Structures are given as structure tokens and as C-alpha cells.
All heavy atoms as atom14 arrays in JSON, in Angstrom:
{
  "sequence": "ENIAFGLKVKKVSKPEIKARVDEIAAKVELEPEQLKKKIS",
  "atom14_mask": [
    [1, 1, 1, 1, 1, 1, 1, 1, 1, 0, 0, 0, 0, 0],
    [1, 1, 1, 1, 1, 1, 1, 1, 0, 0, 0, 0, 0, 0],
    [1, 1, 1, 1, 1, 1, 1, 1, 0, 0, 0, 0, 0, 0],
    [1, 1, 1, 1, 1, 0, 0, 0, 0, 0, 0, 0, 0, 0],
    [1, 1, 1, 1, 1, 1, 1, 1, 1, 1, 1, 0, 0, 0],
    [1, 1, 1, 1, 0, 0, 0, 0, 0, 0, 0, 0, 0, 0],
    [1, 1, 1, 1, 1, 1, 1, 1, 0, 0, 0, 0, 0, 0],
    [1, 1, 1, 1, 1, 1, 1, 1, 1, 0, 0, 0, 0, 0],
    [1, 1, 1, 1, 1, 1, 1, 0, 0, 0, 0, 0, 0, 0],
    [1, 1, 1, 1, 1, 1, 1, 1, 1, 0, 0, 0, 0, 0],
    [1, 1, 1, 1, 1, 1, 1, 1, 1, 0, 0, 0, 0, 0],
    [1, 1, 1, 1, 1, 1, 1, 0, 0, 0, 0, 0, 0, 0],
    [1, 1, 1, 1, 1, 1, 0, 0, 0, 0, 0, 0, 0, 0],
    [1, 1, 1, 1, 1, 1, 1, 1, 1, 0, 0, 0, 0, 0],
    [1, 1, 1, 1, 1, 1, 1, 0, 0, 0, 0, 0, 0, 0],
    [1, 1, 1, 1, 1, 1, 1, 1, 1, 0, 0, 0, 0, 0],
    [1, 1, 1, 1, 1, 1, 1, 1, 0, 0, 0, 0, 0, 0],
    [1, 1, 1, 1, 1, 1, 1, 1, 1, 0, 0, 0, 0, 0],
    [1, 1, 1, 1, 1, 0, 0, 0, 0, 0, 0, 0, 0, 0],
    [1, 1, 1, 1, 1, 1, 1, 1, 1, 1, 1, 0, 0, 0],
    [1, 1, 1, 1, 1, 1, 1, 0, 0, 0, 0, 0, 0, 0],
    [1, 1, 1, 1, 1, 1, 1, 1, 0, 0, 0, 0, 0, 0],
    [1, 1, 1, 1, 1, 1, 1, 1, 1, 0, 0, 0, 0, 0],
    [1, 1, 1, 1, 1, 1, 1, 1, 0, 0, 0, 0, 0, 0],
    [1, 1, 1, 1, 1, 0, 0, 0, 0, 0, 0, 0, 0, 0],
    [1, 1, 1, 1, 1, 0, 0, 0, 0, 0, 0, 0, 0, 0],
    [1, 1, 1, 1, 1, 1, 1, 1, 1, 0, 0, 0, 0, 0],
    [1, 1, 1, 1, 1, 1, 1, 0, 0, 0, 0, 0, 0, 0],
    [1, 1, 1, 1, 1, 1, 1, 1, 1, 0, 0, 0, 0, 0],
    [1, 1, 1, 1, 1, 1, 1, 1, 0, 0, 0, 0, 0, 0],
    [1, 1, 1, 1, 1, 1, 1, 1, 1, 0, 0, 0, 0, 0],
    [1, 1, 1, 1, 1, 1, 1, 0, 0, 0, 0, 0, 0, 0],
    [1, 1, 1, 1, 1, 1, 1, 1, 1, 0, 0, 0, 0, 0],
    [1, 1, 1, 1, 1, 1, 1, 1, 1, 0, 0, 0, 0, 0],
    [1, 1, 1, 1, 1, 1, 1, 1, 0, 0, 0, 0, 0, 0],
    [1, 1, 1, 1, 1, 1, 1, 1, 1, 0, 0, 0, 0, 0],
    [1, 1, 1, 1, 1, 1, 1, 1, 1, 0, 0, 0, 0, 0],
    [1, 1, 1, 1, 1, 1, 1, 1, 1, 0, 0, 0, 0, 0],
    [1, 1, 1, 1, 1, 1, 1, 1, 0, 0, 0, 0, 0, 0],
    [1, 1, 1, 1, 1, 1, 0, 0, 0, 0, 0, 0, 0, 0]
  ],
  "atom14_positions": [
    [[-4.59, 11.57, 18.22], [-4.62, 12.97, 17.99], [-3.69, 13.7, 18.91], [-3.04, 14.71, 18.53], [-6.02, 13.57, 18.2], [-7.03, 13.15, 17.02], [-8.46, 13.37, 17.45], [-8.82, 13.43, 18.57], [-9.32, 13.55, 16.44], [0.0, 0.0, 0.0], [0.0, 0.0, 0.0], [0.0, 0.0, 0.0], [0.0, 0.0, 0.0], [0.0, 0.0, 0.0]],
    [[-3.59, 13.22, 20.14], [-2.62, 13.79, 21.1], [-1.14, 13.64, 20.6], [-0.42, 14.61, 20.66], [-2.78, 13.11, 22.49], [-3.62, 13.88, 23.42], [-3.25, 14.79, 24.1], [-4.96, 13.45, 23.43], [0.0, 0.0, 0.0], [0.0, 0.0, 0.0], [0.0, 0.0, 0.0], [0.0, 0.0, 0.0], [0.0, 0.0, 0.0], [0.0, 0.0, 0.0]],
    [[-0.82, 12.44, 20.14], [0.55, 12.28, 19.66], [0.84, 13.03, 18.41], [1.94, 13.59, 18.21], [0.73, 10.76, 19.38], [0.63, 9.99, 20.73], [2.2, 10.49, 18.82], [0.68, 8.45, 20.58], [0.0, 0.0, 0.0], [0.0, 0.0, 0.0], [0.0, 0.0, 0.0], [0.0, 0.0, 0.0], [0.0, 0.0, 0.0], [0.0, 0.0, 0.0]],
    [[-0.19, 13.22, 17.53], [-0.01, 13.9, 16.25], [-0.06, 15.42, 16.34], [0.35, 16.08, 15.36], [-1.12, 13.39, 15.28], [0.0, 0.0, 0.0], [0.0, 0.0, 0.0], [0.0, 0.0, 0.0], [0.0, 0.0, 0.0], [0.0, 0.0, 0.0], [0.0, 0.0, 0.0], [0.0, 0.0, 0.0], [0.0, 0.0, 0.0], [0.0, 0.0, 0.0]],
    [[-0.4, 15.87, 17.46], [-0.62, 17.39, 17.67], [0.53, 18.2, 17.19], [0.4, 19.19, 16.37], [-1.03, 17.69, 19.1], [-1.38, 19.14, 19.19], [-2.56, 19.67, 18.97], [-0.37, 20.03, 19.84], [-2.91, 20.99, 19.11], [-0.67, 21.34, 19.99], [-1.91, 21.81, 19.64], [0.0, 0.0, 0.0], [0.0, 0.0, 0.0], [0.0, 0.0, 0.0]],
    [[1.75, 17.89, 17.71], [2.92, 18.69, 17.36], [3.24, 18.68, 15.8], [3.68, 19.67, 15.22], [0.0, 0.0, 0.0], [0.0, 0.0, 0.0], [0.0, 0.0, 0.0], [0.0, 0.0, 0.0], [0.0, 0.0, 0.0], [0.0, 0.0, 0.0], [0.0, 0.0, 0.0], [0.0, 0.0, 0.0], [0.0, 0.0, 0.0], [0.0, 0.0, 0.0]],
    [[2.98, 17.51, 15.17], [3.21, 17.32, 13.75], [2.27, 18.15, 12.92], [2.54, 18.8, 11.87], [3.14, 15.93, 13.34], [4.24, 15.0, 14.0], [3.9, 13.5, 13.59], [5.6, 15.35, 13.52], [0.0, 0.0, 0.0], [0.0, 0.0, 0.0], [0.0, 0.0, 0.0], [0.0, 0.0, 0.0], [0.0, 0.0, 0.0], [0.0, 0.0, 0.0]],
    [[0.97, 18.29, 13.4], [-0.03, 19.04, 12.74], [0.28, 20.49, 12.78], [0.15, 21.25, 11.82], [-1.4, 18.74, 13.35], [-2.04, 17.41, 13.0], [-3.37, 17.25, 13.62], [-3.99, 15.92, 13.27], [-5.35, 15.68, 13.9], [0.0, 0.0, 0.0], [0.0, 0.0, 0.0], [0.0, 0.0, 0.0], [0.0, 0.0, 0.0], [0.0, 0.0, 0.0]],
    [[0.81, 20.98, 13.97], [1.24, 22.3, 14.15], [2.38, 22.69, 13.17], [2.33, 23.81, 12.61], [1.72, 22.57, 15.58], [2.35, 23.96, 15.68], [0.46, 22.49, 16.59], [0.0, 0.0, 0.0], [0.0, 0.0, 0.0], [0.0, 0.0, 0.0], [0.0, 0.0, 0.0], [0.0, 0.0, 0.0], [0.0, 0.0, 0.0], [0.0, 0.0, 0.0]],
    [[3.23, 21.69, 12.9], [4.26, 21.87, 11.93], [3.88, 21.66, 10.46], [4.7, 21.76, 9.55], [5.47, 20.9, 12.26], [6.15, 21.22, 13.61], [7.25, 20.23, 13.87], [8.08, 20.45, 15.13], [8.97, 21.67, 14.98], [0.0, 0.0, 0.0], [0.0, 0.0, 0.0], [0.0, 0.0, 0.0], [0.0, 0.0, 0.0], [0.0, 0.0, 0.0]],
    [[2.56, 21.43, 10.3], [2.04, 21.28, 8.97], [2.59, 20.06, 8.15], [2.9, 20.13, 6.91], [2.13, 22.63, 8.2], [1.27, 23.65, 8.78], [1.39, 24.95, 7.89], [0.3, 26.01, 8.37], [0.06, 26.14, 9.72], [0.0, 0.0, 0.0], [0.0, 0.0, 0.0], [0.0, 0.0, 0.0], [0.0, 0.0, 0.0], [0.0, 0.0, 0.0]],
    [[2.9, 19.01, 8.86], [3.38, 17.81, 8.27], [2.19, 17.11, 7.46], [1.07, 17.24, 7.97], [3.97, 16.81, 9.27], [4.44, 15.55, 8.7], [5.2, 17.52, 10.01], [0.0, 0.0, 0.0], [0.0, 0.0, 0.0], [0.0, 0.0, 0.0], [0.0, 0.0, 0.0], [0.0, 0.0, 0.0], [0.0, 0.0, 0.0], [0.0, 0.0, 0.0]],
    [[2.46, 16.49, 6.43], [1.39, 15.92, 5.58], [0.76, 14.7, 6.39], [1.38, 14.05, 7.23], [1.93, 15.32, 4.32], [2.83, 14.24, 4.52], [0.0, 0.0, 0.0], [0.0, 0.0, 0.0], [0.0, 0.0, 0.0], [0.0, 0.0, 0.0], [0.0, 0.0, 0.0], [0.0, 0.0, 0.0], [0.0, 0.0, 0.0], [0.0, 0.0, 0.0]],
    [[-0.59, 14.48, 6.07], [-1.26, 13.4, 6.79], [-0.63, 12.05, 6.67], [-0.51, 11.29, 7.67], [-2.72, 13.37, 6.31], [-3.57, 14.59, 6.8], [-5.02, 14.38, 6.46], [-5.89, 15.5, 7.03], [-7.32, 15.34, 6.69], [0.0, 0.0, 0.0], [0.0, 0.0, 0.0], [0.0, 0.0, 0.0], [0.0, 0.0, 0.0], [0.0, 0.0, 0.0]],
    [[-0.16, 11.64, 5.49], [0.43, 10.36, 5.37], [1.67, 10.2, 6.27], [1.98, 9.18, 6.9], [0.8, 10.22, 3.9], [-0.13, 11.16, 3.17], [-0.34, 12.24, 4.16], [0.0, 0.0, 0.0], [0.0, 0.0, 0.0], [0.0, 0.0, 0.0], [0.0, 0.0, 0.0], [0.0, 0.0, 0.0], [0.0, 0.0, 0.0], [0.0, 0.0, 0.0]],
    [[2.5, 11.27, 6.32], [3.75, 11.23, 7.18], [3.37, 11.26, 8.64], [4.01, 10.57, 9.42], [4.61, 12.39, 6.75], [5.95, 12.35, 7.54], [6.89, 13.46, 7.22], [6.65, 14.26, 6.28], [7.93, 13.55, 7.9], [0.0, 0.0, 0.0], [0.0, 0.0, 0.0], [0.0, 0.0, 0.0], [0.0, 0.0, 0.0], [0.0, 0.0, 0.0]],
    [[2.35, 12.01, 9.0], [1.87, 11.98, 10.35], [1.53, 10.65, 10.79], [1.96, 10.15, 11.93], [0.69, 13.01, 10.54], [1.16, 14.44, 10.52], [0.07, 12.78, 11.9], [0.06, 15.47, 10.55], [0.0, 0.0, 0.0], [0.0, 0.0, 0.0], [0.0, 0.0, 0.0], [0.0, 0.0, 0.0], [0.0, 0.0, 0.0], [0.0, 0.0, 0.0]],
    [[0.74, 9.98, 9.96], [0.29, 8.57, 10.33], [1.49, 7.58, 10.47], [1.56, 6.86, 11.44], [-0.69, 8.06, 9.32], [-1.29, 6.67, 9.7], [-2.25, 6.13, 8.71], [-2.88, 4.89, 9.26], [-1.99, 3.88, 9.86], [0.0, 0.0, 0.0], [0.0, 0.0, 0.0], [0.0, 0.0, 0.0], [0.0, 0.0, 0.0], [0.0, 0.0, 0.0]],
    [[2.44, 7.8, 9.58], [3.59, 6.86, 9.57], [4.42, 7.11, 10.89], [4.84, 6.13, 11.57], [4.44, 7.07, 8.33], [0.0, 0.0, 0.0], [0.0, 0.0, 0.0], [0.0, 0.0, 0.0], [0.0, 0.0, 0.0], [0.0, 0.0, 0.0], [0.0, 0.0, 0.0], [0.0, 0.0, 0.0], [0.0, 0.0, 0.0], [0.0, 0.0, 0.0]],
    [[4.53, 8.41, 11.24], [5.41, 8.72, 12.41], [4.73, 8.4, 13.68], [5.31, 7.92, 14.65], [5.83, 10.16, 12.3], [6.92, 10.39, 11.2], [7.21, 11.85, 10.95], [7.85, 12.51, 12.01], [8.38, 13.75, 11.96], [8.24, 14.46, 10.78], [8.95, 14.32, 12.9], [0.0, 0.0, 0.0], [0.0, 0.0, 0.0], [0.0, 0.0, 0.0]],
    [[3.44, 8.66, 13.73], [2.69, 8.28, 14.97], [2.62, 6.81, 15.19], [2.89, 6.33, 16.3], [1.23, 8.83, 14.86], [0.34, 8.26, 16.04], [1.19, 10.36, 14.91], [0.0, 0.0, 0.0], [0.0, 0.0, 0.0], [0.0, 0.0, 0.0], [0.0, 0.0, 0.0], [0.0, 0.0, 0.0], [0.0, 0.0, 0.0], [0.0, 0.0, 0.0]],
    [[2.41, 6.06, 14.11], [2.4, 4.51, 14.23], [3.76, 4.05, 14.72], [3.88, 3.18, 15.51], [2.04, 3.94, 12.87], [0.57, 4.11, 12.54], [-0.25, 4.46, 13.49], [0.19, 3.84, 11.36], [0.0, 0.0, 0.0], [0.0, 0.0, 0.0], [0.0, 0.0, 0.0], [0.0, 0.0, 0.0], [0.0, 0.0, 0.0], [0.0, 0.0, 0.0]],
    [[4.81, 4.72, 14.11], [6.22, 4.24, 14.48], [6.47, 4.55, 15.92], [7.02, 3.65, 16.68], [7.21, 4.95, 13.58], [8.62, 4.55, 13.87], [9.67, 5.36, 13.03], [9.25, 6.33, 12.46], [10.83, 4.94, 12.98], [0.0, 0.0, 0.0], [0.0, 0.0, 0.0], [0.0, 0.0, 0.0], [0.0, 0.0, 0.0], [0.0, 0.0, 0.0]],
    [[6.18, 5.75, 16.39], [6.57, 6.12, 17.79], [5.65, 5.42, 18.81], [6.11, 4.96, 19.87], [6.49, 7.65, 18.0], [7.27, 8.11, 19.27], [5.09, 8.11, 18.2], [8.77, 7.96, 19.06], [0.0, 0.0, 0.0], [0.0, 0.0, 0.0], [0.0, 0.0, 0.0], [0.0, 0.0, 0.0], [0.0, 0.0, 0.0], [0.0, 0.0, 0.0]],
    [[4.37, 5.16, 18.39], [3.49, 4.33, 19.35], [4.06, 2.92, 19.48], [4.0, 2.46, 20.61], [2.07, 4.32, 18.76], [0.0, 0.0, 0.0], [0.0, 0.0, 0.0], [0.0, 0.0, 0.0], [0.0, 0.0, 0.0], [0.0, 0.0, 0.0], [0.0, 0.0, 0.0], [0.0, 0.0, 0.0], [0.0, 0.0, 0.0], [0.0, 0.0, 0.0]],
    [[4.49, 2.32, 18.51], [5.07, 1.01, 18.58], [6.29, 0.96, 19.48], [6.5, 0.08, 20.34], [5.45, 0.39, 17.27], [0.0, 0.0, 0.0], [0.0, 0.0, 0.0], [0.0, 0.0, 0.0], [0.0, 0.0, 0.0], [0.0, 0.0, 0.0], [0.0, 0.0, 0.0], [0.0, 0.0, 0.0], [0.0, 0.0, 0.0], [0.0, 0.0, 0.0]],
    [[7.1, 2.07, 19.44], [8.34, 2.08, 20.21], [8.09, 2.24, 21.63], [8.86, 1.77, 22.47], [9.27, 3.19, 19.68], [9.95, 2.92, 18.36], [10.88, 3.99, 17.92], [11.6, 3.65, 16.64], [12.48, 4.76, 16.19], [0.0, 0.0, 0.0], [0.0, 0.0, 0.0], [0.0, 0.0, 0.0], [0.0, 0.0, 0.0], [0.0, 0.0, 0.0]],
    [[6.97, 2.96, 22.0], [6.62, 3.16, 23.42], [5.63, 2.09, 23.87], [5.02, 2.19, 24.99], [6.14, 4.55, 23.75], [7.24, 5.58, 23.41], [4.83, 4.87, 23.0], [0.0, 0.0, 0.0], [0.0, 0.0, 0.0], [0.0, 0.0, 0.0], [0.0, 0.0, 0.0], [0.0, 0.0, 0.0], [0.0, 0.0, 0.0], [0.0, 0.0, 0.0]],
    [[5.42, 1.13, 23.0], [4.54, -0.1, 23.33], [3.03, 0.34, 23.61], [2.43, -0.09, 24.52], [5.07, -0.83, 24.49], [6.5, -1.43, 24.23], [7.06, -2.2, 25.35], [6.45, -2.23, 26.45], [8.17, -2.68, 25.26], [0.0, 0.0, 0.0], [0.0, 0.0, 0.0], [0.0, 0.0, 0.0], [0.0, 0.0, 0.0], [0.0, 0.0, 0.0]],
    [[2.52, 1.23, 22.73], [1.1, 1.5, 22.67], [0.52, 0.73, 21.56], [0.97, 0.85, 20.39], [0.87, 3.0, 22.49], [1.15, 3.93, 23.6], [1.14, 5.39, 23.22], [0.11, 3.68, 24.83], [0.0, 0.0, 0.0], [0.0, 0.0, 0.0], [0.0, 0.0, 0.0], [0.0, 0.0, 0.0], [0.0, 0.0, 0.0], [0.0, 0.0, 0.0]],
    [[-0.53, -0.09, 21.88], [-1.12, -0.9, 20.82], [-2.0, -0.1, 19.83], [-2.54, 0.94, 20.23], [-2.02, -1.98, 21.5], [-1.25, -2.93, 22.49], [-0.24, -3.75, 21.75], [-0.41, -4.08, 20.51], [0.78, -4.1, 22.39], [0.0, 0.0, 0.0], [0.0, 0.0, 0.0], [0.0, 0.0, 0.0], [0.0, 0.0, 0.0], [0.0, 0.0, 0.0]],
    [[-2.14, -0.55, 18.55], [-2.94, 0.19, 17.6], [-4.28, 0.51, 18.1], [-4.82, 1.6, 17.79], [-3.0, -0.8, 16.41], [-1.74, -1.58, 16.49], [-1.51, -1.71, 17.97], [0.0, 0.0, 0.0], [0.0, 0.0, 0.0], [0.0, 0.0, 0.0], [0.0, 0.0, 0.0], [0.0, 0.0, 0.0], [0.0, 0.0, 0.0], [0.0, 0.0, 0.0]],
    [[-4.95, -0.41, 18.8], [-6.35, -0.16, 19.31], [-6.39, 0.98, 20.35], [-7.39, 1.63, 20.53], [-7.01, -1.45, 19.82], [-6.28, -2.14, 20.92], [-5.3, -3.18, 20.4], [-4.89, -3.08, 19.3], [-5.02, -4.04, 21.23], [0.0, 0.0, 0.0], [0.0, 0.0, 0.0], [0.0, 0.0, 0.0], [0.0, 0.0, 0.0], [0.0, 0.0, 0.0]],
    [[-5.29, 1.12, 21.1], [-5.22, 2.12, 22.08], [-5.14, 3.57, 21.54], [-5.5, 4.56, 22.1], [-3.99, 1.96, 23.02], [-4.17, 0.75, 23.87], [-2.81, 0.37, 24.72], [-1.77, 0.63, 24.21], [-3.01, -0.02, 25.91], [0.0, 0.0, 0.0], [0.0, 0.0, 0.0], [0.0, 0.0, 0.0], [0.0, 0.0, 0.0], [0.0, 0.0, 0.0]],
    [[-4.66, 3.69, 20.24], [-4.6, 4.91, 19.56], [-5.98, 5.56, 19.36], [-6.08, 6.79, 19.2], [-3.83, 4.86, 18.25], [-2.33, 4.4, 18.3], [-1.78, 4.28, 16.93], [-1.54, 5.43, 19.14], [0.0, 0.0, 0.0], [0.0, 0.0, 0.0], [0.0, 0.0, 0.0], [0.0, 0.0, 0.0], [0.0, 0.0, 0.0], [0.0, 0.0, 0.0]],
    [[-7.0, 4.68, 19.29], [-8.33, 5.24, 19.05], [-9.04, 5.67, 20.35], [-10.12, 6.32, 20.3], [-9.21, 4.18, 18.43], [-8.61, 3.56, 17.03], [-9.37, 2.41, 16.58], [-8.72, 1.76, 15.37], [-9.38, 0.47, 14.95], [0.0, 0.0, 0.0], [0.0, 0.0, 0.0], [0.0, 0.0, 0.0], [0.0, 0.0, 0.0], [0.0, 0.0, 0.0]],
    [[-8.46, 5.32, 21.51], [-9.12, 5.63, 22.74], [-8.93, 7.07, 23.16], [-8.06, 7.78, 22.74], [-8.56, 4.74, 23.85], [-8.91, 3.25, 23.66], [-8.36, 2.41, 24.86], [-8.79, 0.99, 24.76], [-8.35, 0.22, 25.88], [0.0, 0.0, 0.0], [0.0, 0.0, 0.0], [0.0, 0.0, 0.0], [0.0, 0.0, 0.0], [0.0, 0.0, 0.0]],
    [[-9.84, 7.54, 24.06], [-9.7, 8.84, 24.72], [-8.65, 8.67, 25.83], [-8.51, 7.61, 26.36], [-11.06, 9.35, 25.25], [-12.14, 9.53, 24.22], [-11.83, 10.67, 23.32], [-13.05, 11.0, 22.35], [-12.71, 12.02, 21.42], [0.0, 0.0, 0.0], [0.0, 0.0, 0.0], [0.0, 0.0, 0.0], [0.0, 0.0, 0.0], [0.0, 0.0, 0.0]],
    [[-8.13, 9.82, 26.18], [-7.1, 9.84, 27.22], [-7.67, 9.35, 28.52], [-7.01, 8.64, 29.27], [-6.48, 11.33, 27.43], [-5.71, 11.65, 26.17], [-5.67, 11.28, 28.65], [-4.51, 10.74, 25.84], [0.0, 0.0, 0.0], [0.0, 0.0, 0.0], [0.0, 0.0, 0.0], [0.0, 0.0, 0.0], [0.0, 0.0, 0.0], [0.0, 0.0, 0.0]],
    [[-8.89, 9.67, 28.83], [-9.55, 9.24, 30.07], [-9.69, 7.78, 30.21], [-9.94, 7.27, 31.28], [-10.87, 9.93, 30.21], [-11.73, 9.64, 29.16], [0.0, 0.0, 0.0], [0.0, 0.0, 0.0], [0.0, 0.0, 0.0], [0.0, 0.0, 0.0], [0.0, 0.0, 0.0], [0.0, 0.0, 0.0], [0.0, 0.0, 0.0], [0.0, 0.0, 0.0]]
  ]
}
């Protein structure tokens, strides 16, 4: 949700948001399971 925040503000569609978040998370080496965690 943190990564997707700016895309939601720009009213990007949900499928595109998921695709872009997954892509950028992989590039900065965040694992899929980490995307579900809280920041804390």
C-alpha cells in the first residue's frame, strides 16, 4: 500500500498498479512476502 500510494492518487487502474508495484519491488529486491508486511 505504501508503494502503491502515489499511483492510487493518480487514479491508475488496479491491475496496472499491481503490475507496477510488483515490478519496482523486484528491482529494489523486496520479496513478494514482504509486500504484505507492515512497515514496522
